[in-house]
Amino acid sequence: GRGNVYMDYGHEEGHMMARKDYEHALRLDTTNVAARVNLAYNLQVSGKFMQAWRQFTAAVDMSPKFKPALEGRAVVNLQMSNTYAAWVDMNEAVKIGPSAELYTNRGVINQFMDDYTNAIRDYKSALQLDPTFSLAYFNAANLYFHMRQFLQAKDFFDKAVQCNTKDESALLNRAITKVMLKDTKGALEDFKMAAQLSPYSAHVYFNRGNLYTNLKQYDKAEKDYSQALVLQPDDALVYKRRADVHGKLSRTQDAIEDYRRAVEIQA
């Protein structure tokens, strides 16, 4: 229990203290599956993936139907690029006790395996279990967008936003989808809401700047690109886009300076 509190601190010193508590608990009781899984998660957060994998595996050996161990090992397998092993573990967890979260996680693994059909099937299975699970809508929408099925993507982004009205990522991606569907007014409304929810997101300003550029509203585009660079100063692509806009505004010297800065960052 104290180890879990240390983990909540969210910094490396807390992680180290938590690890000592989990290891001490295991010295007192080597069969404590919860302590072993918590230790595994601790190691995973610290980037020690193989050590985490060993602890998850030990937990699975002791309790083969313990879903947190299977799910945790699946994620570590994915982080170590062992996608098939990740799928096997997540699939076993789903068999033991299906949930919207587990179906969604298996859908993500299917995406990594380029199995888009089964990924969509998993997201829909998740939503059958929990029609309010916004992450499943969001992931399905992103996959439909990737497959250039923009109407389906918009429909799922709509539902993701309905489930979580403060999801800046869903609003941003829906805005981009609306751009692809040539719904300029709707896209601008979504960009505005996304910026209100997350005023420090450079991606919002960059993508809205791209839309303004396409609309030939270069002053507004320049303003958004500049704000993106305030938030993310070393982005060569944004400098390049702002340079193009400066050129359209006949600000030649500013354009040259932005092109030069873009080249410096990429060098």
C-alpha atoms as a PDB file:
ATOM      1  CA  GLY A   1       0.000   0.000   0.000  1.00  0.00           C
ATOM      2  CA  ARG A   2       2.774   2.472   0.835  1.00  0.00           C
ATOM      3  CA  GLY A   3       4.501   1.567  -2.412  1.00  0.00           C
ATOM      4  CA  ASN A   4       1.385   2.555  -4.338  1.00  0.00           C
ATOM      5  CA  VAL A   5       1.366   5.924  -2.562  1.00  0.00           C
ATOM      6  CA  TYR A   6       5.002   6.468  -3.526  1.00  0.00           C
ATOM      7  CA  MET A   7       4.137   5.655  -7.151  1.00  0.00           C
ATOM      8  CA  ASP A   8       1.465   8.348  -7.080  1.00  0.00           C
ATOM      9  CA  TYR A   9       4.193  10.937  -6.440  1.00  0.00           C
ATOM     10  CA  GLY A  10       5.065  10.601 -10.125  1.00  0.00           C
ATOM     11  CA  HIS A  11       8.807  11.237  -9.878  1.00  0.00           C
ATOM     12  CA  GLU A  12      11.879   9.007  -9.934  1.00  0.00           C
ATOM     13  CA  GLU A  13      12.596   9.240  -6.205  1.00  0.00           C
ATOM     14  CA  GLY A  14       9.058   8.082  -5.466  1.00  0.00           C
ATOM     15  CA  HIS A  15       9.463   5.233  -7.942  1.00  0.00           C
ATOM     16  CA  MET A  16      12.661   4.091  -6.219  1.00  0.00           C
ATOM     17  CA  MET A  17      11.018   4.128  -2.777  1.00  0.00           C
ATOM     18  CA  ALA A  18       8.008   2.237  -4.149  1.00  0.00           C
ATOM     19  CA  ARG A  19      10.297  -0.372  -5.681  1.00  0.00           C
ATOM     20  CA  LYS A  20      11.973  -0.973  -2.329  1.00  0.00           C
ATOM     21  CA  ASP A  21       8.575  -1.456  -0.680  1.00  0.00           C
ATOM     22  CA  TYR A  22       7.414  -3.928  -3.345  1.00  0.00           C
ATOM     23  CA  GLU A  23      10.673  -5.878  -3.082  1.00  0.00           C
ATOM     24  CA  HIS A  24      10.385  -5.923   0.712  1.00  0.00           C
ATOM     25  CA  ALA A  25       6.810  -7.226   0.440  1.00  0.00           C
ATOM     26  CA  LEU A  26       8.040 -10.021  -1.830  1.00  0.00           C
ATOM     27  CA  ARG A  27      10.799 -10.954   0.599  1.00  0.00           C
ATOM     28  CA  LEU A  28       8.101 -11.376   3.240  1.00  0.00           C
ATOM     29  CA  ASP A  29       5.832 -13.322   0.879  1.00  0.00           C
ATOM     30  CA  THR A  30       7.203 -14.493  -2.460  1.00  0.00           C
ATOM     31  CA  THR A  31       3.718 -15.622  -3.548  1.00  0.00           C
ATOM     32  CA  ASN A  32       2.186 -12.128  -3.259  1.00  0.00           C
ATOM     33  CA  VAL A  33       0.960 -11.707  -6.840  1.00  0.00           C
ATOM     34  CA  ALA A  34      -0.263  -8.122  -6.358  1.00  0.00           C
ATOM     35  CA  ALA A  35       3.140  -6.979  -5.061  1.00  0.00           C
ATOM     36  CA  ARG A  36       4.898  -8.702  -7.983  1.00  0.00           C
ATOM     37  CA  VAL A  37       2.602  -7.075 -10.542  1.00  0.00           C
ATOM     38  CA  ASN A  38       3.061  -3.680  -8.902  1.00  0.00           C
ATOM     39  CA  LEU A  39       6.822  -4.170  -8.994  1.00  0.00           C
ATOM     40  CA  ALA A  40       6.548  -5.055 -12.679  1.00  0.00           C
ATOM     41  CA  TYR A  41       4.592  -1.877 -13.410  1.00  0.00           C
ATOM     42  CA  ASN A  42       7.163   0.107 -11.443  1.00  0.00           C
ATOM     43  CA  LEU A  43       9.989  -1.333 -13.551  1.00  0.00           C
ATOM     44  CA  GLN A  44       8.010  -0.692 -16.724  1.00  0.00           C
ATOM     45  CA  VAL A  45       7.494   2.986 -15.846  1.00  0.00           C
ATOM     46  CA  SER A  46      11.261   3.260 -15.284  1.00  0.00           C
ATOM     47  CA  GLY A  47      11.950   1.841 -18.748  1.00  0.00           C
ATOM     48  CA  LYS A  48      13.291  -1.496 -17.456  1.00  0.00           C
ATOM     49  CA  PHE A  49      11.140  -3.525 -19.817  1.00  0.00           C
ATOM     50  CA  MET A  50      12.884  -6.901 -19.622  1.00  0.00           C
ATOM     51  CA  GLN A  51      12.940  -6.838 -15.824  1.00  0.00           C
ATOM     52  CA  ALA A  52       9.253  -5.872 -15.873  1.00  0.00           C
ATOM     53  CA  TRP A  53       8.524  -8.724 -18.297  1.00  0.00           C
ATOM     54  CA  ARG A  54      10.176 -11.220 -15.931  1.00  0.00           C
ATOM     55  CA  GLN A  55       8.067 -10.026 -13.001  1.00  0.00           C
ATOM     56  CA  PHE A  56       4.851 -10.129 -15.024  1.00  0.00           C
ATOM     57  CA  THR A  57       5.760 -13.627 -16.219  1.00  0.00           C
ATOM     58  CA  ALA A  58       6.403 -14.797 -12.662  1.00  0.00           C
ATOM     59  CA  ALA A  59       2.984 -13.422 -11.689  1.00  0.00           C
ATOM     60  CA  VAL A  60       1.312 -15.221 -14.613  1.00  0.00           C
ATOM     61  CA  ASP A  61       3.064 -18.464 -13.660  1.00  0.00           C
ATOM     62  CA  MET A  62       1.675 -18.148 -10.117  1.00  0.00           C
ATOM     63  CA  SER A  63      -1.801 -17.037 -11.174  1.00  0.00           C
ATOM     64  CA  PRO A  64      -2.469 -17.772 -14.875  1.00  0.00           C
ATOM     65  CA  LYS A  65      -5.884 -16.071 -14.852  1.00  0.00           C
ATOM     66  CA  PHE A  66      -4.774 -12.836 -13.152  1.00  0.00           C
ATOM     67  CA  LYS A  67      -5.770 -10.265 -15.768  1.00  0.00           C
ATOM     68  CA  PRO A  68      -3.586  -7.350 -14.570  1.00  0.00           C
ATOM     69  CA  ALA A  69      -0.489  -9.535 -15.050  1.00  0.00           C
ATOM     70  CA  LEU A  70      -1.516 -10.621 -18.544  1.00  0.00           C
ATOM     71  CA  GLU A  71      -2.468  -7.090 -19.554  1.00  0.00           C
ATOM     72  CA  GLY A  72       0.742  -5.636 -18.134  1.00  0.00           C
ATOM     73  CA  ARG A  73       2.910  -8.212 -19.899  1.00  0.00           C
ATOM     74  CA  ALA A  74       1.040  -7.534 -23.145  1.00  0.00           C
ATOM     75  CA  VAL A  75       1.900  -3.835 -22.923  1.00  0.00           C
ATOM     76  CA  VAL A  76       5.563  -4.590 -22.156  1.00  0.00           C
ATOM     77  CA  ASN A  77       5.693  -7.008 -25.079  1.00  0.00           C
ATOM     78  CA  LEU A  78       4.363  -4.237 -27.282  1.00  0.00           C
ATOM     79  CA  GLN A  79       6.987  -1.826 -25.963  1.00  0.00           C
ATOM     80  CA  MET A  80       9.667  -4.417 -26.799  1.00  0.00           C
ATOM     81  CA  SER A  81       8.196  -4.792 -30.331  1.00  0.00           C
ATOM     82  CA  ASN A  82       6.988  -8.339 -29.711  1.00  0.00           C
ATOM     83  CA  THR A  83       3.559  -7.645 -31.156  1.00  0.00           C
ATOM     84  CA  TYR A  84       2.345 -11.218 -31.512  1.00  0.00           C
ATOM     85  CA  ALA A  85       3.198 -12.053 -27.879  1.00  0.00           C
ATOM     86  CA  ALA A  86       1.325  -8.895 -26.856  1.00  0.00           C
ATOM     87  CA  TRP A  87      -1.715 -10.086 -28.811  1.00  0.00           C
ATOM     88  CA  VAL A  88      -1.575 -13.557 -27.225  1.00  0.00           C
ATOM     89  CA  ASP A  89      -1.537 -12.113 -23.704  1.00  0.00           C
ATOM     90  CA  MET A  90      -4.271  -9.567 -24.360  1.00  0.00           C
ATOM     91  CA  ASN A  91      -6.396 -12.199 -26.086  1.00  0.00           C
ATOM     92  CA  GLU A  92      -6.081 -14.454 -23.035  1.00  0.00           C
ATOM     93  CA  ALA A  93      -7.104 -11.573 -20.773  1.00  0.00           C
ATOM     94  CA  VAL A  94     -10.184 -10.964 -22.939  1.00  0.00           C
ATOM     95  CA  LYS A  95     -11.126 -14.649 -22.721  1.00  0.00           C
ATOM     96  CA  ILE A  96     -10.867 -14.608 -18.916  1.00  0.00           C
ATOM     97  CA  GLY A  97     -13.052 -11.542 -18.471  1.00  0.00           C
ATOM     98  CA  PRO A  98     -13.951  -9.301 -21.401  1.00  0.00           C
ATOM     99  CA  SER A  99     -14.265  -5.573 -20.785  1.00  0.00           C
ATOM    100  CA  ALA A 100     -14.445  -2.459 -22.942  1.00  0.00           C
ATOM    101  CA  GLU A 101     -10.891  -1.556 -21.950  1.00  0.00           C
ATOM    102  CA  LEU A 102      -9.486  -4.984 -22.818  1.00  0.00           C
ATOM    103  CA  TYR A 103     -11.246  -5.101 -26.195  1.00  0.00           C
ATOM    104  CA  THR A 104      -9.932  -1.617 -26.938  1.00  0.00           C
ATOM    105  CA  ASN A 105      -6.396  -2.594 -25.966  1.00  0.00           C
ATOM    106  CA  ARG A 106      -6.569  -5.678 -28.186  1.00  0.00           C
ATOM    107  CA  GLY A 107      -7.842  -3.439 -30.973  1.00  0.00           C
ATOM    108  CA  VAL A 108      -4.734  -1.284 -30.610  1.00  0.00           C
ATOM    109  CA  ILE A 109      -2.521  -4.361 -30.883  1.00  0.00           C
ATOM    110  CA  ASN A 110      -4.422  -5.479 -33.984  1.00  0.00           C
ATOM    111  CA  GLN A 111      -3.699  -2.045 -35.473  1.00  0.00           C
ATOM    112  CA  PHE A 112       0.008  -2.512 -34.780  1.00  0.00           C
ATOM    113  CA  MET A 113      -0.292  -5.817 -36.684  1.00  0.00           C
ATOM    114  CA  ASP A 114      -2.033  -3.984 -39.578  1.00  0.00           C
ATOM    115  CA  ASP A 115      -5.145  -6.082 -38.980  1.00  0.00           C
ATOM    116  CA  TYR A 116      -7.592  -3.209 -39.365  1.00  0.00           C
ATOM    117  CA  THR A 117     -10.668  -5.404 -39.767  1.00  0.00           C
ATOM    118  CA  ASN A 118     -10.222  -7.072 -36.390  1.00  0.00           C
ATOM    119  CA  ALA A 119      -9.182  -3.792 -34.805  1.00  0.00           C
ATOM    120  CA  ILE A 120     -12.504  -2.218 -35.800  1.00  0.00           C
ATOM    121  CA  ARG A 121     -14.298  -5.363 -34.656  1.00  0.00           C
ATOM    122  CA  ASP A 122     -12.647  -5.075 -31.235  1.00  0.00           C
ATOM    123  CA  TYR A 123     -13.532  -1.398 -30.867  1.00  0.00           C
ATOM    124  CA  LYS A 124     -17.148  -2.184 -31.715  1.00  0.00           C
ATOM    125  CA  SER A 125     -17.137  -5.073 -29.234  1.00  0.00           C
ATOM    126  CA  ALA A 126     -15.881  -2.652 -26.597  1.00  0.00           C
ATOM    127  CA  LEU A 127     -18.744  -0.295 -27.368  1.00  0.00           C
ATOM    128  CA  GLN A 128     -21.307  -3.083 -27.160  1.00  0.00           C
ATOM    129  CA  LEU A 129     -20.137  -3.666 -23.587  1.00  0.00           C
ATOM    130  CA  ASP A 130     -19.912   0.032 -22.740  1.00  0.00           C
ATOM    131  CA  PRO A 131     -21.489   2.514 -25.186  1.00  0.00           C
ATOM    132  CA  THR A 132     -19.929   5.397 -23.222  1.00  0.00           C
ATOM    133  CA  PHE A 133     -16.304   4.215 -23.546  1.00  0.00           C
ATOM    134  CA  SER A 134     -14.928   7.235 -25.413  1.00  0.00           C
ATOM    135  CA  LEU A 135     -11.464   5.777 -26.112  1.00  0.00           C
ATOM    136  CA  ALA A 136     -12.970   3.046 -28.308  1.00  0.00           C
ATOM    137  CA  TYR A 137     -14.826   5.674 -30.367  1.00  0.00           C
ATOM    138  CA  PHE A 138     -11.641   7.740 -30.600  1.00  0.00           C
ATOM    139  CA  ASN A 139      -9.434   4.848 -31.706  1.00  0.00           C
ATOM    140  CA  ALA A 140     -11.983   3.629 -34.256  1.00  0.00           C
ATOM    141  CA  ALA A 141     -12.320   7.156 -35.630  1.00  0.00           C
ATOM    142  CA  ASN A 142      -8.556   7.497 -36.024  1.00  0.00           C
ATOM    143  CA  LEU A 143      -8.407   4.171 -37.812  1.00  0.00           C
ATOM    144  CA  TYR A 144     -11.221   5.135 -40.186  1.00  0.00           C
ATOM    145  CA  PHE A 145      -9.357   8.397 -40.854  1.00  0.00           C
ATOM    146  CA  HIS A 146      -6.172   6.444 -41.583  1.00  0.00           C
ATOM    147  CA  MET A 147      -8.158   4.372 -44.081  1.00  0.00           C
ATOM    148  CA  ARG A 148      -9.499   7.634 -45.569  1.00  0.00           C
ATOM    149  CA  GLN A 149     -13.085   6.764 -44.657  1.00  0.00           C
ATOM    150  CA  PHE A 150     -13.737  10.303 -43.476  1.00  0.00           C
ATOM    151  CA  LEU A 151     -17.512  10.126 -43.005  1.00  0.00           C
ATOM    152  CA  GLN A 152     -17.170   7.105 -40.726  1.00  0.00           C
ATOM    153  CA  ALA A 153     -14.301   8.826 -38.923  1.00  0.00           C
ATOM    154  CA  LYS A 154     -16.409  11.912 -38.289  1.00  0.00           C
ATOM    155  CA  ASP A 155     -19.288   9.814 -36.976  1.00  0.00           C
ATOM    156  CA  PHE A 156     -17.038   8.131 -34.419  1.00  0.00           C
ATOM    157  CA  PHE A 157     -15.320  11.412 -33.469  1.00  0.00           C
ATOM    158  CA  ASP A 158     -18.804  12.861 -32.898  1.00  0.00           C
ATOM    159  CA  LYS A 159     -19.569  10.057 -30.461  1.00  0.00           C
ATOM    160  CA  ALA A 160     -16.182  10.384 -28.750  1.00  0.00           C
ATOM    161  CA  VAL A 161     -16.865  14.084 -28.145  1.00  0.00           C
ATOM    162  CA  GLN A 162     -20.396  13.328 -26.929  1.00  0.00           C
ATOM    163  CA  CYS A 163     -18.932  10.931 -24.347  1.00  0.00           C
ATOM    164  CA  ASN A 164     -16.163  13.314 -23.323  1.00  0.00           C
ATOM    165  CA  THR A 165     -16.804  16.955 -24.210  1.00  0.00           C
ATOM    166  CA  LYS A 166     -13.382  17.972 -22.852  1.00  0.00           C
ATOM    167  CA  ASP A 167     -11.387  15.657 -25.122  1.00  0.00           C
ATOM    168  CA  GLU A 168      -9.162  18.124 -26.961  1.00  0.00           C
ATOM    169  CA  SER A 169      -7.614  15.370 -29.104  1.00  0.00           C
ATOM    170  CA  ALA A 170     -11.011  14.204 -30.364  1.00  0.00           C
ATOM    171  CA  LEU A 171     -12.008  17.788 -31.186  1.00  0.00           C
ATOM    172  CA  LEU A 172      -8.716  18.433 -32.973  1.00  0.00           C
ATOM    173  CA  ASN A 173      -8.913  15.243 -35.012  1.00  0.00           C
ATOM    174  CA  ARG A 174     -12.562  15.897 -35.820  1.00  0.00           C
ATOM    175  CA  ALA A 175     -11.576  19.360 -37.033  1.00  0.00           C
ATOM    176  CA  ILE A 176      -8.968  17.835 -39.351  1.00  0.00           C
ATOM    177  CA  THR A 177     -11.557  15.313 -40.549  1.00  0.00           C
ATOM    178  CA  LYS A 178     -13.979  18.149 -41.312  1.00  0.00           C
ATOM    179  CA  VAL A 179     -11.240  19.854 -43.329  1.00  0.00           C
ATOM    180  CA  MET A 180     -10.993  16.686 -45.426  1.00  0.00           C
ATOM    181  CA  LEU A 181     -14.782  16.755 -45.820  1.00  0.00           C
ATOM    182  CA  LYS A 182     -14.587  20.446 -46.856  1.00  0.00           C
ATOM    183  CA  ASP A 183     -16.667  21.518 -43.856  1.00  0.00           C
ATOM    184  CA  THR A 184     -14.672  24.683 -43.206  1.00  0.00           C
ATOM    185  CA  LYS A 185     -17.106  26.265 -40.763  1.00  0.00           C
ATOM    186  CA  GLY A 186     -17.356  23.090 -38.681  1.00  0.00           C
ATOM    187  CA  ALA A 187     -13.583  22.662 -38.686  1.00  0.00           C
ATOM    188  CA  LEU A 188     -13.001  26.217 -37.443  1.00  0.00           C
ATOM    189  CA  GLU A 189     -15.552  25.706 -34.664  1.00  0.00           C
ATOM    190  CA  ASP A 190     -13.757  22.548 -33.530  1.00  0.00           C
ATOM    191  CA  PHE A 191     -10.327  24.201 -33.701  1.00  0.00           C
ATOM    192  CA  LYS A 192     -11.675  27.047 -31.555  1.00  0.00           C
ATOM    193  CA  MET A 193     -13.056  24.647 -28.927  1.00  0.00           C
ATOM    194  CA  ALA A 194      -9.839  22.603 -28.940  1.00  0.00           C
ATOM    195  CA  ALA A 195      -7.775  25.763 -28.405  1.00  0.00           C
ATOM    196  CA  GLN A 196     -10.027  26.796 -25.518  1.00  0.00           C
ATOM    197  CA  LEU A 197      -9.631  23.393 -23.873  1.00  0.00           C
ATOM    198  CA  SER A 198      -5.902  23.126 -24.516  1.00  0.00           C
ATOM    199  CA  PRO A 199      -4.390  26.583 -25.137  1.00  0.00           C
ATOM    200  CA  TYR A 200      -0.858  25.201 -24.868  1.00  0.00           C
ATOM    201  CA  SER A 201      -1.214  22.604 -27.636  1.00  0.00           C
ATOM    202  CA  ALA A 202       0.986  23.584 -30.593  1.00  0.00           C
ATOM    203  CA  HIS A 203      -0.793  21.011 -32.783  1.00  0.00           C
ATOM    204  CA  VAL A 204      -4.073  22.925 -32.587  1.00  0.00           C
ATOM    205  CA  TYR A 205      -2.537  26.164 -33.830  1.00  0.00           C
ATOM    206  CA  PHE A 206      -0.437  24.421 -36.478  1.00  0.00           C
ATOM    207  CA  ASN A 207      -3.387  22.595 -38.000  1.00  0.00           C
ATOM    208  CA  ARG A 208      -5.643  25.644 -37.889  1.00  0.00           C
ATOM    209  CA  GLY A 209      -2.831  27.606 -39.505  1.00  0.00           C
ATOM    210  CA  ASN A 210      -2.797  25.060 -42.327  1.00  0.00           C
ATOM    211  CA  LEU A 211      -6.529  25.579 -42.845  1.00  0.00           C
ATOM    212  CA  TYR A 212      -6.171  29.364 -42.892  1.00  0.00           C
ATOM    213  CA  THR A 213      -3.362  28.981 -45.433  1.00  0.00           C
ATOM    214  CA  ASN A 214      -5.615  26.901 -47.680  1.00  0.00           C
ATOM    215  CA  LEU A 215      -8.280  29.590 -47.306  1.00  0.00           C
ATOM    216  CA  LYS A 216      -5.671  32.208 -48.257  1.00  0.00           C
ATOM    217  CA  GLN A 217      -6.240  33.990 -44.959  1.00  0.00           C
ATOM    218  CA  TYR A 218      -2.527  34.497 -44.534  1.00  0.00           C
ATOM    219  CA  ASP A 219      -2.605  36.965 -41.635  1.00  0.00           C
ATOM    220  CA  LYS A 220      -4.538  34.495 -39.500  1.00  0.00           C
ATOM    221  CA  ALA A 221      -2.306  31.637 -40.625  1.00  0.00           C
ATOM    222  CA  GLU A 222       0.805  33.605 -39.671  1.00  0.00           C
ATOM    223  CA  LYS A 223      -0.625  34.303 -36.231  1.00  0.00           C
ATOM    224  CA  ASP A 224      -1.394  30.628 -35.598  1.00  0.00           C
ATOM    225  CA  TYR A 225       1.993  29.421 -36.844  1.00  0.00           C
ATOM    226  CA  SER A 226       3.686  31.992 -34.610  1.00  0.00           C
ATOM    227  CA  GLN A 227       1.722  30.783 -31.592  1.00  0.00           C
ATOM    228  CA  ALA A 228       2.659  27.179 -32.416  1.00  0.00           C
ATOM    229  CA  LEU A 229       6.312  28.213 -32.411  1.00  0.00           C
ATOM    230  CA  VAL A 230       5.959  29.948 -29.055  1.00  0.00           C
ATOM    231  CA  LEU A 231       4.745  26.629 -27.655  1.00  0.00           C
ATOM    232  CA  GLN A 232       7.120  24.400 -29.649  1.00  0.00           C
ATOM    233  CA  PRO A 233      10.097  26.528 -30.729  1.00  0.00           C
ATOM    234  CA  ASP A 234      12.184  23.887 -32.528  1.00  0.00           C
ATOM    235  CA  ASP A 235       9.690  22.628 -35.113  1.00  0.00           C
ATOM    236  CA  ALA A 236      11.256  22.963 -38.563  1.00  0.00           C
ATOM    237  CA  LEU A 237       8.011  22.236 -40.404  1.00  0.00           C
ATOM    238  CA  VAL A 238       6.189  25.108 -38.692  1.00  0.00           C
ATOM    239  CA  TYR A 239       9.027  27.474 -39.598  1.00  0.00           C
ATOM    240  CA  LYS A 240       8.759  26.271 -43.204  1.00  0.00           C
ATOM    241  CA  ARG A 241       4.986  26.822 -43.279  1.00  0.00           C
ATOM    242  CA  ARG A 242       5.305  30.269 -41.709  1.00  0.00           C
ATOM    243  CA  ALA A 243       8.008  31.139 -44.226  1.00  0.00           C
ATOM    244  CA  ASP A 244       5.612  30.245 -47.043  1.00  0.00           C
ATOM    245  CA  VAL A 245       2.980  32.498 -45.495  1.00  0.00           C
ATOM    246  CA  HIS A 246       5.469  35.332 -45.070  1.00  0.00           C
ATOM    247  CA  GLY A 247       6.198  35.009 -48.761  1.00  0.00           C
ATOM    248  CA  LYS A 248       2.494  35.330 -49.570  1.00  0.00           C
ATOM    249  CA  LEU A 249       2.388  38.456 -47.399  1.00  0.00           C
ATOM    250  CA  SER A 250       5.408  39.924 -49.269  1.00  0.00           C
ATOM    251  CA  ARG A 251       7.509  39.796 -46.106  1.00  0.00           C
ATOM    252  CA  THR A 252      10.561  38.497 -47.914  1.00  0.00           C
ATOM    253  CA  GLN A 253      13.132  39.025 -45.172  1.00  0.00           C
ATOM    254  CA  ASP A 254      10.950  37.263 -42.596  1.00  0.00           C
ATOM    255  CA  ALA A 255      10.463  34.377 -45.028  1.00  0.00           C
ATOM    256  CA  ILE A 256      14.220  34.044 -45.557  1.00  0.00           C
ATOM    257  CA  GLU A 257      14.832  34.064 -41.812  1.00  0.00           C
ATOM    258  CA  ASP A 258      12.244  31.326 -41.230  1.00  0.00           C
ATOM    259  CA  TYR A 259      13.649  29.165 -44.018  1.00  0.00           C
ATOM    260  CA  ARG A 260      17.135  29.611 -42.537  1.00  0.00           C
ATOM    261  CA  ARG A 261      15.893  28.616 -39.079  1.00  0.00           C
ATOM    262  CA  ALA A 262      14.134  25.522 -40.497  1.00  0.00           C
ATOM    263  CA  VAL A 263      17.383  24.416 -42.169  1.00  0.00           C
ATOM    264  CA  GLU A 264      19.359  24.957 -38.940  1.00  0.00           C
ATOM    265  CA  ILE A 265      16.956  22.782 -36.942  1.00  0.00           C
ATOM    266  CA  GLN A 266      17.099  19.964 -39.499  1.00  0.00           C
ATOM    267  CA  ALA A 267      20.895  20.096 -39.824  1.00  0.00           C
END
